[in-house]
Amino acid sequence: MMDKVELVDGITIGSENISEGSAECLGLSFWLSREGCGMVNAILGAASQTIRIESEEGDWAALPLYKRHILPGINLLSGYPYARIFGNQTLFLRNLNKIINVCSTSGVAKLELTLSGDEVELVGKFVKLGHPAVSHSNQVIFTRQIVGISSLADAGDFREAFHGKTRWSINKAVKSGGVYRVIDSGSAQPAQDMYKRVMKEKGAPAYYGVERLQYIVDELYPRSQGVVYLVEMNGKVAGMAAVIYSGSTAHLKQVAVPREFSKQRLGDYLVAAVQYEASKAGMKHFDFMATPEFEPGVKEYKAKWGGTTQPVETIVISVKPVLSRVIDFLRWLSRKMASFR
């Protein structure tokens, strides 16, 4: 079959296809929009591209991705935050060699598909191909917690939206002088400072600069597509959270509350507040985003909010095996260097 395979600039899927094809809990509509592409470009320096396939019979498949320039002649192509093949997925599977050739010609060394939701079913299909360029870990390295929040907005008061220990935590935080607010303009630096402080407490590097949060404040908040929150205790900044609204899903991009305020339950208070506000904004799902299996404490914290736990699995296609390993090494080196800062 003479299927046409090409790698084109931009997200070349119509909005109708996105709304029909995206699983609700994936919430990809923002990330495949002009604003979403702009944010990923601003933060990661990545350009949006699409692998598009058309068959002689008029069928099609499209995989929106982001291309990151690693070194001269070495590029990484990956989905963000999750990958989805729109249209006829069989076309992608049967044209894997053509896809590898097209990517290689464009300087792509590695193709990564981070799959979750219904898309995880693709993992077995890729593995079944037995292609030497395809690799996948048999172990689930990441999971994500999805919570239904549509009914929270029905509560007349923020505290009435939650029950049991969560309501107790909210009341304790309020009695301790806790209050949350939105950074609706100005600098996002206070939120960034909280993020850096908590990452330092964990002994982990701060991977992102203030431009990530500033983009949400300046570009997304005015369009009702994202919010950066601060939580304060008696007027002192005590934590932060950042959320992206995508379709009917709210993605929690960051939450950080220093240990100093753990006794006041400000972390629970802030996460509950972000979910409540997301529900008021019309969101139906709350995505805690991917959590590494080697961070059981974080995983258990997210799980206590209920909902469902979904695996997040990655298929790696080594377009250029040697250069693909170079990317792996540079990632390892970057994490090591960041840990010394």
Protein backbone atom coordinates (compact mmCIF):
# COMPACT_ATOMS: atom_id res chain seq x y z
CA MET A 1 0.00 0.00 0.00
CA MET A 2 1.35 3.41 -0.98
CA ASP A 3 0.56 5.40 2.13
CA LYS A 4 1.90 8.95 2.26
CA VAL A 5 3.90 9.79 5.39
CA GLU A 6 5.16 13.28 6.20
CA LEU A 7 6.40 15.33 9.13
CA VAL A 8 4.87 18.80 8.93
CA ASP A 9 5.22 21.91 11.06
CA GLY A 10 2.44 22.81 13.46
CA ILE A 11 -0.57 20.90 14.74
CA THR A 12 -2.35 19.98 11.52
CA ILE A 13 -5.48 18.46 13.04
CA GLY A 14 -8.74 20.38 12.91
CA SER A 15 -10.34 21.32 16.22
CA GLU A 16 -13.26 19.02 15.46
CA ASN A 17 -10.97 16.01 15.28
CA ILE A 18 -9.32 16.99 18.55
CA SER A 19 -12.60 17.29 20.44
CA GLU A 20 -13.91 14.02 19.06
CA GLY A 21 -10.71 12.02 19.44
CA SER A 22 -9.34 13.18 22.79
CA ALA A 23 -10.31 11.03 25.75
CA GLU A 24 -11.94 13.28 28.35
CA CYS A 25 -9.39 12.44 31.02
CA LEU A 26 -6.46 13.19 28.70
CA GLY A 27 -7.58 16.79 28.27
CA LEU A 28 -5.41 17.48 25.22
CA SER A 29 -7.41 20.31 23.68
CA PHE A 30 -5.31 23.05 25.32
CA TRP A 31 -1.98 21.38 24.59
CA LEU A 32 -2.88 21.09 20.90
CA SER A 33 -4.11 24.69 20.67
CA ARG A 34 -2.20 27.78 19.61
CA GLU A 35 -1.87 28.88 23.25
CA GLY A 36 -0.70 25.44 24.36
CA CYS A 37 1.91 25.27 21.62
CA GLY A 38 3.05 28.74 22.62
CA MET A 39 3.51 27.71 26.24
CA VAL A 40 5.50 24.57 25.41
CA ASN A 41 7.66 26.61 23.06
CA ALA A 42 8.25 29.28 25.70
CA ILE A 43 9.13 26.78 28.44
CA LEU A 44 10.85 23.94 26.60
CA GLY A 45 11.90 25.72 23.41
CA ALA A 46 9.97 23.04 21.52
CA ALA A 47 8.28 23.50 18.14
CA SER A 48 5.01 21.74 17.35
CA GLN A 49 5.07 19.20 14.52
CA THR A 50 2.77 16.45 13.28
CA ILE A 51 3.44 13.06 11.77
CA ARG A 52 0.64 12.77 9.24
CA ILE A 53 -0.29 9.70 7.20
CA GLU A 54 -2.76 9.47 4.32
CA SER A 55 -3.75 6.22 2.61
CA GLU A 56 -4.80 5.71 -0.99
CA GLU A 57 -8.30 4.96 0.28
CA GLY A 58 -8.54 8.43 1.83
CA ASP A 59 -8.03 7.28 5.41
CA TRP A 60 -5.67 9.22 7.68
CA ALA A 61 -3.76 9.23 10.95
CA ALA A 62 -2.05 12.11 12.74
CA LEU A 63 0.26 12.26 15.74
CA PRO A 64 0.88 15.76 17.18
CA LEU A 65 4.30 16.10 18.80
CA TYR A 66 6.86 18.61 20.01
CA LYS A 67 10.36 18.78 18.57
CA ARG A 68 13.20 19.77 20.89
CA HIS A 69 16.63 20.67 19.62
CA ILE A 70 19.22 18.90 21.79
CA LEU A 71 22.46 19.41 19.83
CA PRO A 72 23.25 20.21 16.18
CA GLY A 73 21.70 17.40 14.18
CA ILE A 74 20.12 15.79 17.27
CA ASN A 75 16.42 16.37 17.89
CA LEU A 76 13.90 14.73 20.19
CA LEU A 77 10.28 14.33 19.07
CA SER A 78 7.77 13.62 21.84
CA GLY A 79 4.19 14.08 22.96
CA TYR A 80 3.40 16.56 25.74
CA PRO A 81 2.02 15.94 28.26
CA TYR A 82 0.57 12.80 26.67
CA ALA A 83 0.64 11.44 23.13
CA ARG A 84 -2.38 10.43 21.08
CA ILE A 85 -2.63 9.09 17.54
CA PHE A 86 -5.73 10.56 15.95
CA GLY A 87 -7.58 8.87 13.12
CA ASN A 88 -6.77 5.32 12.07
CA GLN A 89 -4.03 4.14 14.42
CA THR A 90 -3.37 1.08 12.24
CA LEU A 91 -1.87 3.37 9.60
CA PHE A 92 0.78 4.46 12.08
CA LEU A 93 1.67 0.90 13.03
CA ARG A 94 1.94 -0.40 9.48
CA ASN A 95 4.05 2.56 8.33
CA LEU A 96 6.61 2.52 11.13
CA ASN A 97 9.60 2.13 8.78
CA LYS A 98 8.44 5.08 6.68
CA ILE A 99 7.95 7.14 9.84
CA ILE A 100 11.48 6.34 10.98
CA ASN A 101 12.89 7.35 7.59
CA VAL A 102 10.95 10.64 7.54
CA CYS A 103 12.05 11.47 11.08
CA SER A 104 15.66 10.58 10.32
CA THR A 105 15.69 12.90 7.30
CA SER A 106 14.42 15.70 9.57
CA GLY A 107 17.24 15.23 12.06
CA VAL A 108 15.16 13.40 14.66
CA ALA A 109 17.20 10.94 16.72
CA LYS A 110 14.49 9.74 19.05
CA LEU A 111 10.69 9.53 19.13
CA GLU A 112 8.93 9.19 22.51
CA LEU A 113 5.23 8.46 22.96
CA THR A 114 4.00 8.94 26.52
CA LEU A 115 0.70 7.09 26.67
CA SER A 116 -2.10 7.10 29.24
CA GLY A 117 -5.82 6.45 29.37
CA ASP A 118 -7.15 4.36 26.50
CA GLU A 119 -3.91 4.99 24.60
CA VAL A 120 -2.03 2.51 26.82
CA GLU A 121 -3.59 -0.23 24.68
CA LEU A 122 -1.17 0.84 21.94
CA VAL A 123 1.81 -0.38 23.99
CA GLY A 124 1.03 -4.02 23.30
CA LYS A 125 0.51 -3.33 19.61
CA PHE A 126 3.89 -1.62 19.30
CA VAL A 127 5.65 -4.40 21.19
CA LYS A 128 3.93 -7.03 19.03
CA LEU A 129 5.53 -5.50 15.94
CA GLY A 130 8.89 -6.81 17.12
CA HIS A 131 10.64 -3.87 15.47
CA PRO A 132 14.28 -3.41 16.58
CA ALA A 133 13.83 0.35 16.93
CA VAL A 134 10.93 0.02 19.40
CA SER A 135 11.54 -0.36 23.12
CA HIS A 136 9.29 -0.37 26.17
CA SER A 137 9.85 -1.08 29.84
CA ASN A 138 7.76 -3.92 31.23
CA GLN A 139 7.46 -2.01 34.49
CA VAL A 140 5.05 0.88 35.01
CA ILE A 141 7.36 3.75 35.93
CA PHE A 142 4.73 6.49 36.26
CA THR A 143 1.07 6.67 37.25
CA ARG A 144 -1.46 9.51 37.24
CA GLN A 145 -4.43 10.18 39.50
CA ILE A 146 -7.68 11.39 37.91
CA VAL A 147 -10.39 12.77 40.20
CA GLY A 148 -13.94 13.71 39.26
CA ILE A 149 -14.66 17.26 40.47
CA SER A 150 -17.80 18.33 38.60
CA SER A 151 -19.99 18.26 41.74
CA LEU A 152 -17.67 20.35 43.95
CA ALA A 153 -19.02 23.62 42.59
CA ASP A 154 -22.52 22.65 43.80
CA ALA A 155 -21.45 23.30 47.38
CA GLY A 156 -22.50 26.68 48.70
CA ASP A 157 -19.22 27.11 50.57
CA PHE A 158 -15.68 25.96 49.82
CA ARG A 159 -15.47 23.95 53.04
CA GLU A 160 -18.77 22.20 52.38
CA ALA A 161 -17.43 20.76 49.11
CA PHE A 162 -15.24 18.28 51.02
CA HIS A 163 -15.82 15.81 53.80
CA GLY A 164 -14.02 13.89 56.54
CA LYS A 165 -10.31 14.51 57.04
CA THR A 166 -10.12 16.93 54.12
CA ARG A 167 -12.73 19.22 55.67
CA TRP A 168 -10.89 18.97 58.98
CA SER A 169 -7.64 20.00 57.24
CA ILE A 170 -9.35 22.94 55.56
CA ASN A 171 -10.80 24.17 58.88
CA LYS A 172 -7.42 23.81 60.60
CA ALA A 173 -5.70 25.81 57.84
CA VAL A 174 -8.31 28.56 58.02
CA LYS A 175 -8.05 28.76 61.82
CA SER A 176 -4.26 29.04 61.41
CA GLY A 177 -4.73 32.11 59.22
CA GLY A 178 -4.51 30.34 55.87
CA VAL A 179 -6.01 31.98 52.80
CA TYR A 180 -5.47 31.37 49.09
CA ARG A 181 -5.40 33.93 46.32
CA VAL A 182 -4.79 34.16 42.59
CA ILE A 183 -1.79 35.90 41.04
CA ASP A 184 -3.88 37.73 38.45
CA SER A 185 -1.14 40.12 37.33
CA GLY A 186 2.41 41.16 38.08
CA SER A 187 5.32 38.91 38.93
CA ALA A 188 5.04 35.16 39.49
CA GLN A 189 8.34 35.20 41.41
CA PRO A 190 6.74 34.60 44.85
CA ALA A 191 5.29 31.33 43.51
CA GLN A 192 8.61 30.42 41.89
CA ASP A 193 10.41 31.03 45.20
CA MET A 194 8.07 28.56 46.92
CA TYR A 195 8.66 25.98 44.19
CA LYS A 196 12.45 26.31 44.46
CA ARG A 197 12.34 26.16 48.25
CA VAL A 198 10.32 22.94 48.32
CA MET A 199 12.47 21.28 45.64
CA LYS A 200 15.54 22.15 47.71
CA GLU A 201 13.90 20.60 50.78
CA LYS A 202 13.38 17.41 48.78
CA GLY A 203 16.98 17.42 47.61
CA ALA A 204 15.77 17.73 44.00
CA PRO A 205 16.71 20.28 41.33
CA ALA A 206 14.33 23.06 40.26
CA TYR A 207 13.93 22.10 36.61
CA TYR A 208 11.92 25.16 35.57
CA GLY A 209 12.52 28.87 35.74
CA VAL A 210 9.99 31.56 36.59
CA GLU A 211 9.03 31.93 32.90
CA ARG A 212 6.78 28.85 33.19
CA LEU A 213 4.59 30.39 35.89
CA GLN A 214 4.86 33.87 34.39
CA TYR A 215 3.46 32.56 31.09
CA ILE A 216 0.41 31.25 32.92
CA VAL A 217 -0.12 34.59 34.67
CA ASP A 218 0.44 36.80 31.61
CA GLU A 219 -0.93 34.68 28.77
CA LEU A 220 -3.27 32.00 30.09
CA TYR A 221 -5.05 33.56 33.05
CA PRO A 222 -6.60 36.36 30.95
CA ARG A 223 -8.01 33.63 28.64
CA SER A 224 -9.29 31.49 31.55
CA GLN A 225 -6.85 28.73 30.55
CA GLY A 226 -4.61 28.64 33.60
CA VAL A 227 -4.17 29.95 37.14
CA VAL A 228 -1.27 30.40 39.56
CA TYR A 229 -2.27 30.40 43.23
CA LEU A 230 -0.52 31.48 46.39
CA VAL A 231 -1.49 30.34 49.86
CA GLU A 232 -0.64 32.71 52.68
CA MET A 233 -0.66 32.32 56.46
CA ASN A 234 -1.18 35.51 58.41
CA GLY A 235 0.02 37.48 55.39
CA LYS A 236 3.15 35.37 54.79
CA VAL A 237 3.50 33.43 51.53
CA ALA A 238 3.37 29.76 52.48
CA GLY A 239 2.90 27.83 49.24
CA MET A 240 1.87 27.83 45.60
CA ALA A 241 -0.02 25.85 42.99
CA ALA A 242 -0.34 26.13 39.21
CA VAL A 243 -3.10 24.59 37.11
CA ILE A 244 -3.90 24.45 33.39
CA TYR A 245 -7.49 24.21 32.10
CA SER A 246 -7.74 21.99 29.03
CA GLY A 247 -11.18 21.13 27.70
CA SER A 248 -12.97 19.71 30.72
CA THR A 249 -9.77 18.66 32.52
CA ALA A 250 -7.68 20.65 35.00
CA HIS A 251 -3.99 19.65 34.96
CA LEU A 252 -2.12 20.31 38.21
CA LYS A 253 1.27 21.43 36.93
CA GLN A 254 2.82 22.28 40.28
CA VAL A 255 2.03 22.41 43.97
CA ALA A 256 4.58 23.34 46.61
CA VAL A 257 4.12 23.96 50.33
CA PRO A 258 7.23 23.99 52.57
CA ARG A 259 7.44 21.57 55.51
CA GLU A 260 7.28 24.55 57.87
CA PHE A 261 3.53 24.76 57.21
CA SER A 262 2.64 21.08 57.25
CA LYS A 263 1.15 21.19 60.76
CA GLN A 264 -1.29 23.86 59.63
CA ARG A 265 -2.46 21.53 56.79
CA LEU A 266 -1.91 24.24 54.20
CA GLY A 267 -1.05 21.67 51.52
CA ASP A 268 -4.43 19.93 51.78
CA TYR A 269 -6.14 23.29 51.97
CA LEU A 270 -4.48 24.56 48.81
CA VAL A 271 -5.08 21.39 46.75
CA ALA A 272 -8.72 21.35 47.83
CA ALA A 273 -9.08 25.01 46.90
CA VAL A 274 -7.56 24.45 43.44
CA GLN A 275 -9.97 21.57 42.79
CA TYR A 276 -12.95 23.62 43.99
CA GLU A 277 -12.04 26.60 41.81
CA ALA A 278 -11.51 24.30 38.82
CA SER A 279 -14.98 22.86 39.33
CA LYS A 280 -16.44 26.37 39.45
CA ALA A 281 -14.64 27.05 36.15
CA GLY A 282 -16.52 24.13 34.55
CA MET A 283 -13.87 21.42 34.80
CA LYS A 284 -15.06 17.83 35.24
CA HIS A 285 -11.74 16.07 35.83
CA PHE A 286 -8.68 16.91 37.91
CA ASP A 287 -5.42 15.39 36.65
CA PHE A 288 -2.65 15.22 39.26
CA MET A 289 -0.27 14.43 36.36
CA ALA A 290 2.44 11.76 36.29
CA THR A 291 4.06 10.54 39.51
CA PRO A 292 7.19 8.33 39.53
CA GLU A 293 6.80 4.95 41.19
CA PHE A 294 9.96 5.68 43.20
CA GLU A 295 8.08 8.47 45.02
CA PRO A 296 5.51 6.38 46.93
CA GLY A 297 4.77 9.20 49.38
CA VAL A 298 3.67 11.54 46.59
CA LYS A 299 1.69 8.76 44.95
CA GLU A 300 -0.15 7.95 48.19
CA TYR A 301 -0.89 11.64 48.79
CA LYS A 302 -2.52 11.99 45.38
CA ALA A 303 -4.42 8.72 45.78
CA LYS A 304 -6.08 9.90 48.99
CA TRP A 305 -8.14 12.36 46.95
CA GLY A 306 -9.96 9.43 45.38
CA GLY A 307 -10.64 8.93 41.69
CA THR A 308 -8.78 6.42 39.56
CA THR A 309 -5.10 5.59 39.14
CA GLN A 310 -3.97 5.17 35.54
CA PRO A 311 -0.62 3.91 34.25
CA VAL A 312 1.57 6.21 32.19
CA GLU A 313 3.77 4.22 29.83
CA THR A 314 6.28 5.30 27.22
CA ILE A 315 7.10 3.76 23.86
CA VAL A 316 10.55 4.75 22.59
CA ILE A 317 11.41 4.60 18.90
CA SER A 318 15.16 4.96 18.39
CA VAL A 319 15.33 6.60 14.97
CA LYS A 320 19.11 6.87 15.23
CA PRO A 321 20.19 4.44 17.98
CA VAL A 322 23.60 5.97 18.74
CA LEU A 323 22.26 9.52 18.93
CA SER A 324 19.28 8.30 20.92
CA ARG A 325 21.69 7.05 23.56
CA VAL A 326 23.42 10.45 23.48
CA ILE A 327 20.10 12.05 24.43
CA ASP A 328 19.75 9.59 27.33
CA PHE A 329 23.24 10.44 28.55
CA LEU A 330 22.64 14.20 28.32
CA ARG A 331 19.43 13.84 30.33
CA TRP A 332 21.29 11.92 33.01
CA LEU A 333 24.06 14.51 33.04
CA SER A 334 21.54 17.37 33.25
CA ARG A 335 19.88 15.84 36.31
CA LYS A 336 23.27 15.30 37.95
CA MET A 337 24.38 18.85 37.29
CA ALA A 338 21.07 20.30 38.50
CA SER A 339 21.34 18.35 41.76
CA PHE A 340 24.57 20.20 42.59
CA ARG A 341 23.05 23.66 42.22
